C-alpha atoms as a PDB file:
ATOM      1  CA  MET A   1     -39.774  18.423  13.334  1.00  0.00           C
ATOM      2  CA  GLY A   2     -35.583  17.272  13.091  1.00  0.00           C
ATOM      3  CA  ASP A   3     -34.120  17.524   9.886  1.00  0.00           C
ATOM      4  CA  PRO A   4     -34.705  14.156   8.101  1.00  0.00           C
ATOM      5  CA  ARG A   5     -30.664  14.346   6.409  1.00  0.00           C
ATOM      6  CA  LEU A   6     -29.526  13.248  10.170  1.00  0.00           C
ATOM      7  CA  ALA A   7     -32.485  10.826  10.679  1.00  0.00           C
ATOM      8  CA  ILE A   8     -31.020   8.574   7.377  1.00  0.00           C
ATOM      9  CA  THR A   9     -27.772   9.147   9.035  1.00  0.00           C
ATOM     10  CA  ARG A  10     -28.197   7.944  12.711  1.00  0.00           C
ATOM     11  CA  ARG A  11     -30.270   4.827  10.568  1.00  0.00           C
ATOM     12  CA  GLU A  12     -27.463   4.208   8.215  1.00  0.00           C
ATOM     13  CA  LEU A  13     -24.920   4.208  10.955  1.00  0.00           C
ATOM     14  CA  GLY A  14     -27.053   1.651  12.937  1.00  0.00           C
ATOM     15  CA  ALA A  15     -27.360  -0.520   9.671  1.00  0.00           C
ATOM     16  CA  ILE A  16     -23.585  -1.019   9.364  1.00  0.00           C
ATOM     17  CA  THR A  17     -23.296  -3.515  12.452  1.00  0.00           C
ATOM     18  CA  SER A  18     -26.192  -5.934  10.154  1.00  0.00           C
ATOM     19  CA  GLU A  19     -23.251  -6.108   6.969  1.00  0.00           C
ATOM     20  CA  LYS A  20     -21.404  -8.437   7.792  1.00  0.00           C
ATOM     21  CA  THR A  21     -18.620  -7.894   5.197  1.00  0.00           C
ATOM     22  CA  ILE A  22     -18.376  -4.269   6.562  1.00  0.00           C
ATOM     23  CA  VAL A  23     -17.762  -5.147   9.948  1.00  0.00           C
ATOM     24  CA  LEU A  24     -14.899  -8.042   9.040  1.00  0.00           C
ATOM     25  CA  ALA A  25     -13.061  -5.965   7.195  1.00  0.00           C
ATOM     26  CA  LEU A  26     -13.339  -3.328  10.517  1.00  0.00           C
ATOM     27  CA  LEU A  27     -12.608  -6.378  12.682  1.00  0.00           C
ATOM     28  CA  ILE A  28      -9.257  -6.886  10.434  1.00  0.00           C
ATOM     29  CA  GLN A  29      -8.219  -3.563  10.246  1.00  0.00           C
ATOM     30  CA  LEU A  30      -8.564  -3.114  14.305  1.00  0.00           C
ATOM     31  CA  PHE A  31      -6.689  -6.134  14.707  1.00  0.00           C
ATOM     32  CA  ILE A  32      -3.739  -5.359  12.415  1.00  0.00           C
ATOM     33  CA  ALA A  33      -3.793  -1.801  14.177  1.00  0.00           C
ATOM     34  CA  ALA A  34      -4.003  -3.154  18.108  1.00  0.00           C
ATOM     35  CA  PHE A  35      -1.193  -5.365  17.336  1.00  0.00           C
ATOM     36  CA  SER A  36       0.927  -3.290  15.227  1.00  0.00           C
ATOM     37  CA  SER A  37       3.752  -3.953  17.538  1.00  0.00           C
ATOM     38  CA  PHE A  38       4.206  -7.554  16.748  1.00  0.00           C
ATOM     39  CA  LEU A  39       2.328  -7.742  13.273  1.00  0.00           C
ATOM     40  CA  VAL A  40       5.456  -5.657  11.570  1.00  0.00           C
ATOM     41  CA  VAL A  41       7.940  -7.791  12.756  1.00  0.00           C
ATOM     42  CA  GLY A  42       6.307 -10.364  10.743  1.00  0.00           C
ATOM     43  CA  LEU A  43       4.997  -8.434   7.645  1.00  0.00           C
ATOM     44  CA  VAL A  44       8.348  -7.155   8.054  1.00  0.00           C
ATOM     45  CA  SER A  45      10.117 -10.149   7.359  1.00  0.00           C
ATOM     46  CA  LEU A  46       8.072 -10.590   4.092  1.00  0.00           C
ATOM     47  CA  TYR A  47       8.783  -7.039   2.987  1.00  0.00           C
ATOM     48  CA  ASP A  48      12.321  -7.216   3.532  1.00  0.00           C
ATOM     49  CA  PRO A  49      13.539 -10.505   4.355  1.00  0.00           C
ATOM     50  CA  GLY A  50      17.315  -9.568   4.361  1.00  0.00           C
ATOM     51  CA  SER A  51      16.209  -7.386   8.449  1.00  0.00           C
ATOM     52  CA  VAL A  52      15.763 -10.903   9.984  1.00  0.00           C
ATOM     53  CA  SER A  53      19.124 -12.019   8.743  1.00  0.00           C
ATOM     54  CA  ASP A  54      21.210 -10.915  11.778  1.00  0.00           C
ATOM     55  CA  GLY A  55      23.156 -13.268  13.370  1.00  0.00           C
ATOM     56  CA  GLN A  56      22.336 -15.680  10.160  1.00  0.00           C
ATOM     57  CA  ILE A  57      25.545 -16.679   7.820  1.00  0.00           C
ATOM     58  CA  VAL A  58      24.436 -17.522   4.055  1.00  0.00           C
ATOM     59  CA  THR A  59      27.368 -20.028   2.885  1.00  0.00           C
ATOM     60  CA  VAL A  60      27.924 -18.913  -1.062  1.00  0.00           C
ATOM     61  CA  GLY A  61      29.917 -21.556  -2.994  1.00  0.00           C
ATOM     62  CA  VAL A  62      32.038 -19.763  -5.523  1.00  0.00           C
ATOM     63  CA  ALA A  63      33.134 -21.168  -8.847  1.00  0.00           C
ATOM     64  CA  GLY A  64      34.964 -20.472 -12.005  1.00  0.00           C
ATOM     65  CA  ASP A  65      37.571 -17.974 -13.520  1.00  0.00           C
ATOM     66  CA  ALA A  66      36.033 -15.334 -12.915  1.00  0.00           C
ATOM     67  CA  SER A  67      36.023 -16.534  -8.869  1.00  0.00           C
ATOM     68  CA  GLU A  68      38.034 -13.771  -7.674  1.00  0.00           C
ATOM     69  CA  SER A  69      35.953 -11.018  -8.653  1.00  0.00           C
ATOM     70  CA  VAL A  70      32.416 -12.519  -6.894  1.00  0.00           C
ATOM     71  CA  GLU A  71      34.603 -13.600  -3.550  1.00  0.00           C
ATOM     72  CA  ASP A  72      35.357  -9.617  -3.177  1.00  0.00           C
ATOM     73  CA  ALA A  73      31.741  -9.246  -3.886  1.00  0.00           C
ATOM     74  CA  VAL A  74      30.583 -12.227  -1.345  1.00  0.00           C
ATOM     75  CA  ARG A  75      33.206 -10.971   1.465  1.00  0.00           C
ATOM     76  CA  SER A  76      31.238  -7.088   1.440  1.00  0.00           C
ATOM     77  CA  VAL A  77      27.888  -8.264   1.464  1.00  0.00           C
ATOM     78  CA  ARG A  78      27.181  -8.999   5.732  1.00  0.00           C
ATOM     79  CA  GLY A  79      25.793 -11.395   6.554  1.00  0.00           C
ATOM     80  CA  SER A  80      27.553 -13.574   3.617  1.00  0.00           C
ATOM     81  CA  ARG A  81      30.432 -16.094   3.478  1.00  0.00           C
ATOM     82  CA  ALA A  82      32.407 -17.455   0.679  1.00  0.00           C
ATOM     83  CA  ARG A  83      34.046 -20.750  -0.283  1.00  0.00           C
ATOM     84  CA  PHE A  84      36.006 -21.018  -3.723  1.00  0.00           C
ATOM     85  CA  PHE A  85      36.030 -24.497  -5.038  1.00  0.00           C
ATOM     86  CA  GLU A  86      38.471 -25.485  -7.972  1.00  0.00           C
ATOM     87  CA  SER A  87      35.781 -26.550 -10.344  1.00  0.00           C
ATOM     88  CA  ARG A  88      31.997 -26.842 -10.941  1.00  0.00           C
ATOM     89  CA  ASP A  89      31.632 -30.464  -9.662  1.00  0.00           C
ATOM     90  CA  GLN A  90      32.969 -29.692  -6.686  1.00  0.00           C
ATOM     91  CA  ALA A  91      30.775 -26.689  -6.461  1.00  0.00           C
ATOM     92  CA  GLU A  92      27.321 -28.722  -6.690  1.00  0.00           C
ATOM     93  CA  ARG A  93      28.528 -31.841  -4.566  1.00  0.00           C
ATOM     94  CA  ALA A  94      28.924 -29.454  -1.841  1.00  0.00           C
ATOM     95  CA  PHE A  95      25.779 -27.771  -2.285  1.00  0.00           C
ATOM     96  CA  GLU A  96      24.283 -31.194  -2.923  1.00  0.00           C
ATOM     97  CA  ASN A  97      25.800 -32.362   0.440  1.00  0.00           C
ATOM     98  CA  GLY A  98      24.672 -29.000   2.469  1.00  0.00           C
ATOM     99  CA  GLY A  99      28.030 -27.807   2.426  1.00  0.00           C
ATOM    100  CA  VAL A 100      27.134 -24.352   1.341  1.00  0.00           C
ATOM    101  CA  ASP A 101      23.904 -22.768   0.939  1.00  0.00           C
ATOM    102  CA  ALA A 102      24.171 -21.466  -2.701  1.00  0.00           C
ATOM    103  CA  LEU A 103      26.356 -21.461  -5.977  1.00  0.00           C
ATOM    104  CA  LEU A 104      27.571 -18.434  -8.073  1.00  0.00           C
ATOM    105  CA  LEU A 105      29.181 -20.135 -10.766  1.00  0.00           C
ATOM    106  CA  ALA A 106      31.112 -17.313 -12.531  1.00  0.00           C
ATOM    107  CA  ASN A 107      33.152 -17.002 -15.774  1.00  0.00           C
ATOM    108  CA  GLN A 108      34.414 -14.428 -18.122  1.00  0.00           C
ATOM    109  CA  ARG A 109      32.476 -14.740 -21.687  1.00  0.00           C
ATOM    110  CA  ASP A 110      34.314 -13.509 -25.021  1.00  0.00           C
ATOM    111  CA  ASP A 111      32.472  -9.942 -24.500  1.00  0.00           C
ATOM    112  CA  ASP A 112      35.038  -9.390 -21.456  1.00  0.00           C
ATOM    113  CA  ARG A 113      31.874  -9.311 -18.971  1.00  0.00           C
ATOM    114  CA  ILE A 114      31.170 -11.824 -16.493  1.00  0.00           C
ATOM    115  CA  GLY A 115      28.314 -14.158 -16.435  1.00  0.00           C
ATOM    116  CA  VAL A 116      27.413 -15.542 -13.033  1.00  0.00           C
ATOM    117  CA  GLU A 117      25.056 -18.566 -13.344  1.00  0.00           C
ATOM    118  CA  THR A 118      23.111 -19.065  -9.802  1.00  0.00           C
ATOM    119  CA  VAL A 119      22.007 -21.823  -8.134  1.00  0.00           C
ATOM    120  CA  VAL A 120      19.622 -21.848  -5.104  1.00  0.00           C
ATOM    121  CA  PRO A 121      18.008 -24.556  -2.797  1.00  0.00           C
ATOM    122  CA  LYS A 122      13.961 -24.967  -3.911  1.00  0.00           C
ATOM    123  CA  GLY A 123      11.425 -23.853  -1.715  1.00  0.00           C
ATOM    124  CA  SER A 124      11.657 -23.194   2.264  1.00  0.00           C
ATOM    125  CA  LEU A 125      11.587 -20.623   4.855  1.00  0.00           C
ATOM    126  CA  ARG A 126      15.332 -20.191   4.559  1.00  0.00           C
ATOM    127  CA  THR A 127      15.243 -19.858   0.934  1.00  0.00           C
ATOM    128  CA  THR A 128      14.290 -16.001   0.208  1.00  0.00           C
ATOM    129  CA  LEU A 129      16.735 -14.909   3.004  1.00  0.00           C
ATOM    130  CA  ILE A 130      19.180 -16.949   0.673  1.00  0.00           C
ATOM    131  CA  VAL A 131      18.058 -15.503  -2.374  1.00  0.00           C
ATOM    132  CA  THR A 132      17.741 -11.693  -0.899  1.00  0.00           C
ATOM    133  CA  GLN A 133      21.770 -12.141   0.091  1.00  0.00           C
ATOM    134  CA  VAL A 134      22.569 -13.703  -2.544  1.00  0.00           C
ATOM    135  CA  ARG A 135      20.847 -10.697  -5.158  1.00  0.00           C
ATOM    136  CA  GLU A 136      22.905  -8.535  -2.576  1.00  0.00           C
ATOM    137  CA  VAL A 137      25.705 -10.600  -3.869  1.00  0.00           C
ATOM    138  CA  LEU A 138      25.224  -9.670  -7.397  1.00  0.00           C
ATOM    139  CA  GLU A 139      24.580  -6.036  -6.292  1.00  0.00           C
ATOM    140  CA  ALA A 140      27.739  -5.840  -4.888  1.00  0.00           C
ATOM    141  CA  LEU A 141      29.442  -7.355  -8.078  1.00  0.00           C
ATOM    142  CA  GLU A 142      27.921  -4.850 -10.286  1.00  0.00           C
ATOM    143  CA  ARG A 143      28.862  -2.217  -8.407  1.00  0.00           C
ATOM    144  CA  ASP A 144      32.664  -3.203  -8.065  1.00  0.00           C
ATOM    145  CA  GLU A 145      32.809  -3.567 -11.919  1.00  0.00           C
ATOM    146  CA  ARG A 146      31.262  -0.496 -12.634  1.00  0.00           C
ATOM    147  CA  VAL A 147      33.724   1.196 -10.717  1.00  0.00           C
ATOM    148  CA  ALA A 148      36.581  -0.829 -11.873  1.00  0.00           C
ATOM    149  CA  ARG A 149      35.743   0.052 -15.255  1.00  0.00           C
ATOM    150  CA  GLN A 150      34.730   3.065 -15.080  1.00  0.00           C
ATOM    151  CA  ASN A 151      37.576   4.615 -17.499  1.00  0.00           C
ATOM    152  CA  GLU A 152      36.649   2.767 -20.159  1.00  0.00           C
ATOM    153  CA  LEU A 153      33.414   5.041 -20.258  1.00  0.00           C
ATOM    154  CA  SER A 154      32.971   7.594 -22.823  1.00  0.00           C
ATOM    155  CA  ALA A 155      30.509   9.534 -20.900  1.00  0.00           C
ATOM    156  CA  THR A 156      30.788  10.494 -17.034  1.00  0.00           C
ATOM    157  CA  PRO A 157      27.045   8.642 -15.247  1.00  0.00           C
ATOM    158  CA  VAL A 158      25.598  10.595 -12.851  1.00  0.00           C
ATOM    159  CA  ASN A 159      26.695   9.882  -8.986  1.00  0.00           C
ATOM    160  CA  LEU A 160      24.847   7.990  -7.388  1.00  0.00           C
ATOM    161  CA  PRO A 161      22.781   9.495  -4.120  1.00  0.00           C
ATOM    162  CA  PRO A 162      24.751   8.327  -0.569  1.00  0.00           C
ATOM    163  CA  GLU A 163      23.924   5.139   0.686  1.00  0.00           C
ATOM    164  CA  VAL A 164      21.392   6.005   4.436  1.00  0.00           C
ATOM    165  CA  SER A 165      21.609   3.477   6.791  1.00  0.00           C
ATOM    166  CA  ALA A 166      17.615   3.167   8.046  1.00  0.00           C
ATOM    167  CA  SER A 167      15.676   0.852   9.726  1.00  0.00           C
ATOM    168  CA  PRO A 168      13.392  -1.617   7.342  1.00  0.00           C
ATOM    169  CA  TYR A 169      10.730  -1.346  10.521  1.00  0.00           C
ATOM    170  CA  PHE A 170      10.674   2.069  10.046  1.00  0.00           C
ATOM    171  CA  GLY A 171      10.117   2.177   6.098  1.00  0.00           C
ATOM    172  CA  PHE A 172       7.447  -0.077   6.522  1.00  0.00           C
ATOM    173  CA  THR A 173       5.374   1.458   9.172  1.00  0.00           C
ATOM    174  CA  TYR A 174       5.092   4.568   7.689  1.00  0.00           C
ATOM    175  CA  THR A 175       5.388   3.830   4.066  1.00  0.00           C
ATOM    176  CA  ILE A 176       2.745   0.815   3.772  1.00  0.00           C
ATOM    177  CA  LEU A 177       1.340  -0.122   6.951  1.00  0.00           C
ATOM    178  CA  LEU A 178       0.334   3.586   7.984  1.00  0.00           C
ATOM    179  CA  PRO A 179      -1.358   4.539   4.319  1.00  0.00           C
ATOM    180  CA  LEU A 180      -2.880   1.167   4.233  1.00  0.00           C
ATOM    181  CA  LEU A 181      -4.958   2.014   7.450  1.00  0.00           C
ATOM    182  CA  CYS A 182      -6.511   5.431   6.329  1.00  0.00           C
ATOM    183  CA  LEU A 183      -6.748   4.397   2.655  1.00  0.00           C
ATOM    184  CA  LEU A 184      -8.615   1.062   3.673  1.00  0.00           C
ATOM    185  CA  PRO A 185     -11.872   3.058   5.526  1.00  0.00           C
ATOM    186  CA  VAL A 186     -11.684   5.786   2.491  1.00  0.00           C
ATOM    187  CA  PHE A 187     -12.303   2.234  -0.017  1.00  0.00           C
ATOM    188  CA  ILE A 188     -14.623   0.737   2.672  1.00  0.00           C
ATOM    189  CA  SER A 189     -16.870   3.542   2.360  1.00  0.00           C
ATOM    190  CA  GLY A 190     -17.307   4.257  -0.699  1.00  0.00           C
ATOM    191  CA  SER A 191     -18.496   0.307  -1.422  1.00  0.00           C
ATOM    192  CA  LEU A 192     -21.220   1.387   1.747  1.00  0.00           C
ATOM    193  CA  VAL A 193     -22.942   3.916  -0.197  1.00  0.00           C
ATOM    194  CA  VAL A 194     -22.994   1.810  -3.053  1.00  0.00           C
ATOM    195  CA  ASP A 195     -24.611  -0.873  -1.145  1.00  0.00           C
ATOM    196  CA  SER A 196     -27.022   1.609   0.819  1.00  0.00           C
ATOM    197  CA  ILE A 197     -28.537   3.411  -2.301  1.00  0.00           C
ATOM    198  CA  THR A 198     -28.744   0.523  -4.679  1.00  0.00           C
ATOM    199  CA  GLU A 199     -30.614  -1.478  -1.535  1.00  0.00           C
ATOM    200  CA  GLU A 200     -33.309   1.085  -1.363  1.00  0.00           C
ATOM    201  CA  ARG A 201     -33.957   1.022  -4.767  1.00  0.00           C
ATOM    202  CA  GLU A 202     -33.957  -2.681  -5.088  1.00  0.00           C
ATOM    203  CA  ARG A 203     -36.137  -3.090  -2.383  1.00  0.00           C
ATOM    204  CA  GLY A 204     -38.662  -0.352  -3.424  1.00  0.00           C
ATOM    205  CA  THR A 205     -37.759   1.664   0.040  1.00  0.00           C
ATOM    206  CA  PHE A 206     -37.621   4.796  -1.979  1.00  0.00           C
ATOM    207  CA  GLU A 207     -41.521   4.240  -2.948  1.00  0.00           C
ATOM    208  CA  LEU A 208     -42.215   4.815   0.511  1.00  0.00           C
ATOM    209  CA  LEU A 209     -39.822   7.836   1.407  1.00  0.00           C
ATOM    210  CA  ARG A 210     -42.686   9.783  -1.120  1.00  0.00           C
ATOM    211  CA  VAL A 211     -45.333  10.122   1.433  1.00  0.00           C
ATOM    212  CA  ALA A 212     -42.416  12.414   3.327  1.00  0.00           C
ATOM    213  CA  PRO A 213     -41.664  15.699   2.798  1.00  0.00           C
ATOM    214  CA  ILE A 214     -37.702  14.740   1.794  1.00  0.00           C
ATOM    215  CA  THR A 215     -36.158  14.821  -1.836  1.00  0.00           C
ATOM    216  CA  LEU A 216     -33.306  12.545  -3.585  1.00  0.00           C
ATOM    217  CA  VAL A 217     -30.604  14.935  -2.361  1.00  0.00           C
ATOM    218  CA  ASP A 218     -31.969  15.071   1.107  1.00  0.00           C
ATOM    219  CA  ILE A 219     -31.404  10.908   1.225  1.00  0.00           C
ATOM    220  CA  VAL A 220     -28.281  11.207  -0.505  1.00  0.00           C
ATOM    221  CA  ASP A 221     -27.020  14.112   1.727  1.00  0.00           C
ATOM    222  CA  GLY A 222     -27.879  12.098   5.133  1.00  0.00           C
ATOM    223  CA  LYS A 223     -26.097   8.587   3.091  1.00  0.00           C
ATOM    224  CA  LEU A 224     -23.368  10.592   2.225  1.00  0.00           C
ATOM    225  CA  PHE A 225     -22.587  12.450   5.798  1.00  0.00           C
ATOM    226  CA  ALA A 226     -22.609   8.585   7.351  1.00  0.00           C
ATOM    227  CA  ALA A 227     -20.424   7.305   5.017  1.00  0.00           C
ATOM    228  CA  VAL A 228     -18.354   9.986   5.387  1.00  0.00           C
ATOM    229  CA  VAL A 229     -18.196  10.389   9.012  1.00  0.00           C
ATOM    230  CA  LEU A 230     -17.279   6.692   9.282  1.00  0.00           C
ATOM    231  CA  ALA A 231     -13.805   6.709   7.673  1.00  0.00           C
ATOM    232  CA  PRO A 232     -11.726   9.347   9.541  1.00  0.00           C
ATOM    233  CA  ALA A 233     -13.464   7.737  12.818  1.00  0.00           C
ATOM    234  CA  GLN A 234     -11.637   4.474  11.573  1.00  0.00           C
ATOM    235  CA  VAL A 235      -8.423   6.276  11.308  1.00  0.00           C
ATOM    236  CA  ALA A 236      -8.672   8.054  14.260  1.00  0.00           C
ATOM    237  CA  LEU A 237      -9.319   5.046  16.262  1.00  0.00           C
ATOM    238  CA  TRP A 238      -6.490   3.120  14.483  1.00  0.00           C
ATOM    239  CA  LEU A 239      -4.022   6.117  14.918  1.00  0.00           C
ATOM    240  CA  VAL A 240      -4.721   5.598  18.767  1.00  0.00           C
ATOM    241  CA  LEU A 241      -3.882   2.486  18.220  1.00  0.00           C
ATOM    242  CA  LEU A 242      -0.744   2.476  16.789  1.00  0.00           C
ATOM    243  CA  THR A 243       0.151   5.047  18.947  1.00  0.00           C
ATOM    244  CA  VAL A 244      -0.388   3.159  22.131  1.00  0.00           C
ATOM    245  CA  ASN A 245       2.125   0.196  20.104  1.00  0.00           C
ATOM    246  CA  GLY A 246       4.915   3.094  20.372  1.00  0.00           C
ATOM    247  CA  ILE A 247       4.602   4.273  16.807  1.00  0.00           C
ATOM    248  CA  SER A 248       5.007   7.982  17.097  1.00  0.00           C
ATOM    249  CA  ILE A 249       2.832   9.766  14.820  1.00  0.00           C
ATOM    250  CA  SER A 250       2.590  13.417  13.535  1.00  0.00           C
ATOM    251  CA  ASP A 251      -0.402  15.953  11.818  1.00  0.00           C
ATOM    252  CA  VAL A 252      -2.771  13.816  13.078  1.00  0.00           C
ATOM    253  CA  GLY A 253      -5.187  16.472  12.474  1.00  0.00           C
ATOM    254  CA  LEU A 254      -4.519  17.552   9.034  1.00  0.00           C
ATOM    255  CA  LEU A 255      -4.070  13.434   7.890  1.00  0.00           C
ATOM    256  CA  LEU A 256      -7.873  13.434   9.767  1.00  0.00           C
ATOM    257  CA  VAL A 257      -8.423  16.270   7.337  1.00  0.00           C
ATOM    258  CA  PHE A 258      -7.044  14.190   3.768  1.00  0.00           C
ATOM    259  CA  VAL A 259      -8.779  11.454   4.925  1.00  0.00           C
ATOM    260  CA  THR A 260     -11.769  12.986   5.237  1.00  0.00           C
ATOM    261  CA  ALA A 261     -11.329  14.866   1.439  1.00  0.00           C
ATOM    262  CA  LEU A 262     -10.270  11.497   0.185  1.00  0.00           C
ATOM    263  CA  THR A 263     -13.264   9.641   1.608  1.00  0.00           C
ATOM    264  CA  LEU A 264     -15.922  12.519  -0.073  1.00  0.00           C
ATOM    265  CA  VAL A 265     -13.711  12.309  -3.582  1.00  0.00           C
ATOM    266  CA  VAL A 266     -14.728   8.700  -3.416  1.00  0.00           C
ATOM    267  CA  VAL A 267     -17.882   8.700  -1.719  1.00  0.00           C
ATOM    268  CA  SER A 268     -19.540  11.264  -3.928  1.00  0.00           C
ATOM    269  CA  GLY A 269     -17.948   9.237  -6.842  1.00  0.00           C
ATOM    270  CA  GLY A 270     -19.432   5.691  -5.621  1.00  0.00           C
ATOM    271  CA  ALA A 271     -23.211   7.613  -4.667  1.00  0.00           C
ATOM    272  CA  GLY A 272     -23.569   8.684  -7.983  1.00  0.00           C
ATOM    273  CA  ILE A 273     -22.498   5.277  -9.949  1.00  0.00           C
ATOM    274  CA  ALA A 274     -25.101   4.192  -7.582  1.00  0.00           C
ATOM    275  CA  LEU A 275     -27.590   6.248  -8.647  1.00  0.00           C
ATOM    276  CA  PHE A 276     -26.510   5.925 -12.484  1.00  0.00           C
ATOM    277  CA  PHE A 277     -27.036   2.279 -12.541  1.00  0.00           C
ATOM    278  CA  GLY A 278     -29.354   1.689  -9.567  1.00  0.00           C
ATOM    279  CA  ASP A 279     -28.989  -2.331  -9.641  1.00  0.00           C
ATOM    280  CA  ARG A 280     -26.308  -3.395  -6.438  1.00  0.00           C
ATOM    281  CA  GLN A 281     -24.231  -5.629  -9.123  1.00  0.00           C
ATOM    282  CA  ARG A 282     -23.482  -3.210 -11.825  1.00  0.00           C
ATOM    283  CA  SER A 283     -23.076  -0.409  -9.285  1.00  0.00           C
ATOM    284  CA  GLN A 284     -20.434  -2.230  -7.474  1.00  0.00           C
ATOM    285  CA  LEU A 285     -18.735  -3.606 -10.512  1.00  0.00           C
ATOM    286  CA  ALA A 286     -18.380  -0.019 -11.903  1.00  0.00           C
ATOM    287  CA  TYR A 287     -17.563   1.365  -8.683  1.00  0.00           C
ATOM    288  CA  SER A 288     -14.734  -1.092  -8.352  1.00  0.00           C
ATOM    289  CA  THR A 289     -13.595  -0.226 -11.571  1.00  0.00           C
ATOM    290  CA  GLY A 290     -13.857   3.175 -11.294  1.00  0.00           C
ATOM    291  CA  LEU A 291     -11.514   3.163  -7.999  1.00  0.00           C
ATOM    292  CA  LEU A 292      -8.950   1.355  -9.664  1.00  0.00           C
ATOM    293  CA  LEU A 293      -8.972   3.370 -12.461  1.00  0.00           C
ATOM    294  CA  PHE A 294      -8.780   6.463  -9.936  1.00  0.00           C
ATOM    295  CA  PHE A 295      -6.266   5.804  -7.829  1.00  0.00           C
ATOM    296  CA  ALA A 296      -3.777   4.706 -11.294  1.00  0.00           C
ATOM    297  CA  SER A 297      -4.303   7.876 -12.403  1.00  0.00           C
ATOM    298  CA  LEU A 298      -2.808   9.221  -8.772  1.00  0.00           C
ATOM    299  CA  VAL A 299       0.653   8.243  -9.846  1.00  0.00           C
ATOM    300  CA  PHE A 300       1.279  11.059 -12.240  1.00  0.00           C
ATOM    301  CA  LEU A 301       0.151  13.649  -9.350  1.00  0.00           C
ATOM    302  CA  PRO A 302       3.813  15.530  -7.996  1.00  0.00           C
ATOM    303  CA  GLU A 303       3.497  13.299  -5.170  1.00  0.00           C
ATOM    304  CA  HIS A 304       1.339  10.168  -4.102  1.00  0.00           C
ATOM    305  CA  PRO A 305      -1.783  10.162  -1.577  1.00  0.00           C
ATOM    306  CA  SER A 306       0.428   7.528   0.531  1.00  0.00           C
ATOM    307  CA  SER A 307       3.449   9.483   0.278  1.00  0.00           C
ATOM    308  CA  THR A 308       1.526  12.880   1.375  1.00  0.00           C
ATOM    309  CA  ILE A 309       0.358  10.374   4.552  1.00  0.00           C
ATOM    310  CA  ALA A 310       3.895   9.169   5.557  1.00  0.00           C
ATOM    311  CA  ARG A 311       4.925  12.921   5.182  1.00  0.00           C
ATOM    312  CA  LEU A 312       2.955  14.239   7.549  1.00  0.00           C
ATOM    313  CA  ALA A 313       3.161  11.399   9.729  1.00  0.00           C
ATOM    314  CA  ILE A 314       6.802  11.750  10.362  1.00  0.00           C
ATOM    315  CA  ASP A 315       6.639  14.863  10.083  1.00  0.00           C
ATOM    316  CA  SER A 316       8.436  15.590   7.574  1.00  0.00           C
ATOM    317  CA  ALA A 317       5.738  17.266   4.940  1.00  0.00           C
ATOM    318  CA  ALA A 318       6.358  19.495   2.143  1.00  0.00           C
ATOM    319  CA  PRO A 319       4.642  22.556   0.576  1.00  0.00           C
ATOM    320  CA  ILE A 320       3.895  19.895  -1.892  1.00  0.00           C
ATOM    321  CA  SER A 321       1.916  18.007   1.005  1.00  0.00           C
ATOM    322  CA  PHE A 322       0.022  20.857   1.897  1.00  0.00           C
ATOM    323  CA  ILE A 323      -1.221  21.532  -1.299  1.00  0.00           C
ATOM    324  CA  SER A 324      -2.232  17.669  -2.096  1.00  0.00           C
ATOM    325  CA  VAL A 325      -4.768  18.190   1.083  1.00  0.00           C
ATOM    326  CA  ALA A 326      -6.039  21.644  -0.022  1.00  0.00           C
ATOM    327  CA  GLY A 327      -6.548  20.082  -3.358  1.00  0.00           C
ATOM    328  CA  ALA A 328      -8.224  17.162  -2.057  1.00  0.00           C
ATOM    329  CA  LEU A 329     -10.473  19.254  -0.074  1.00  0.00           C
ATOM    330  CA  VAL A 330     -11.348  21.416  -3.355  1.00  0.00           C
ATOM    331  CA  VAL A 331     -12.101  18.505  -5.294  1.00  0.00           C
ATOM    332  CA  GLY A 332     -14.275  16.629  -2.596  1.00  0.00           C
ATOM    333  CA  ALA A 333     -15.682  19.954  -2.340  1.00  0.00           C
ATOM    334  CA  LEU A 334     -16.839  19.548  -6.207  1.00  0.00           C
ATOM    335  CA  CYS A 335     -17.407  16.286  -6.360  1.00  0.00           C
ATOM    336  CA  LEU A 336     -20.291  17.277  -3.255  1.00  0.00           C
ATOM    337  CA  GLY A 337     -21.516  19.832  -5.348  1.00  0.00           C
ATOM    338  CA  LEU A 338     -21.781  17.359  -9.039  1.00  0.00           C
ATOM    339  CA  LEU A 339     -23.363  14.283  -6.883  1.00  0.00           C
ATOM    340  CA  ARG A 340     -26.263  17.142  -5.210  1.00  0.00           C
ATOM    341  CA  GLU A 341     -27.110  18.615  -8.850  1.00  0.00           C
ATOM    342  CA  PHE A 342     -27.147  14.904 -10.508  1.00  0.00           C
ATOM    343  CA  ALA A 343     -29.526  13.903  -7.455  1.00  0.00           C
ATOM    344  CA  ARG A 344     -32.019  17.020  -7.966  1.00  0.00           C
ATOM    345  CA  ARG A 345     -32.089  16.620 -11.452  1.00  0.00           C
ATOM    346  CA  THR A 346     -33.061  13.136 -11.475  1.00  0.00           C
ATOM    347  CA  GLY A 347     -34.513  12.816  -8.387  1.00  0.00           C
ATOM    348  CA  LYS A 348     -37.816  12.449  -9.697  1.00  0.00           C
ATOM    349  CA  ASP A 349     -36.856   9.310 -12.079  1.00  0.00           C
ATOM    350  CA  GLN A 350     -35.148   7.893  -8.428  1.00  0.00           C
ATOM    351  CA  LEU A 351     -38.133   7.880  -6.491  1.00  0.00           C
END
């Protein structure tokens, strides 16, 4: 007779196709990965609206007794053009008539600061671009004022790092899109194992297993293996599709190892929650809450998993990145050991 854990694994993998929610989530990810080169253009426009502003000029109306400083800032920002007005009323009439896209009404305050009142049009497709350009103008104004008033400082500030000209498409692809496609399968696998264990309990199919020479540990192992295999298999497919779309991915092997380790941690936690609570509703609520808390706590690590994924993908891994991969493997093995011990001790109650 074959290993019963493998039989359970095959049954679990076959049952995935009957889970409409899981299949829909997989199809959405497949669509994103398969058409990433097309989707990334639209997504980047939301992530960084200024990146799609090439060739579009935003005319900014400037008025007020501090308008000269604002005009200089407008001219320093690519894609912006300044138009000076003698009074606020003239500027507002031009804005209402469509002569300018936005207004910057700058006046000198009594405390020697510059107060800038900003007027932009109501929500439209172009409003996001205008707001982005105006924000860059205000940032340029702030930098100019800091430089002009540096002699008034009582202490020397820390020098800013040099500006780096980087493509927003590159940043979005490797810091947002790729971590998303790598981490979503991890979340789905955890939810899948929670549903699988709780449904066995609620349907009473655990009772049928009493007549078979199988323990709760074997059942958990089989379900766990199916869930853990699913995530890296999905990620491997997503990486192939990204490569086909012209997105180069480095250190694929380490990426898959890292995803597998994270999946083992999450799936072990989900299986333990399902064994503890028994019913699907409470288990899914506890799993979702625990998952949010778990990933929120990862911000205290020297390197967040999403940063590790991005660094590995662009072949820029630091020593801490390899330590993160090794640490994930150790934590995953520890979680698996704790889960098996918990299943062994509570086997009689669960069956």
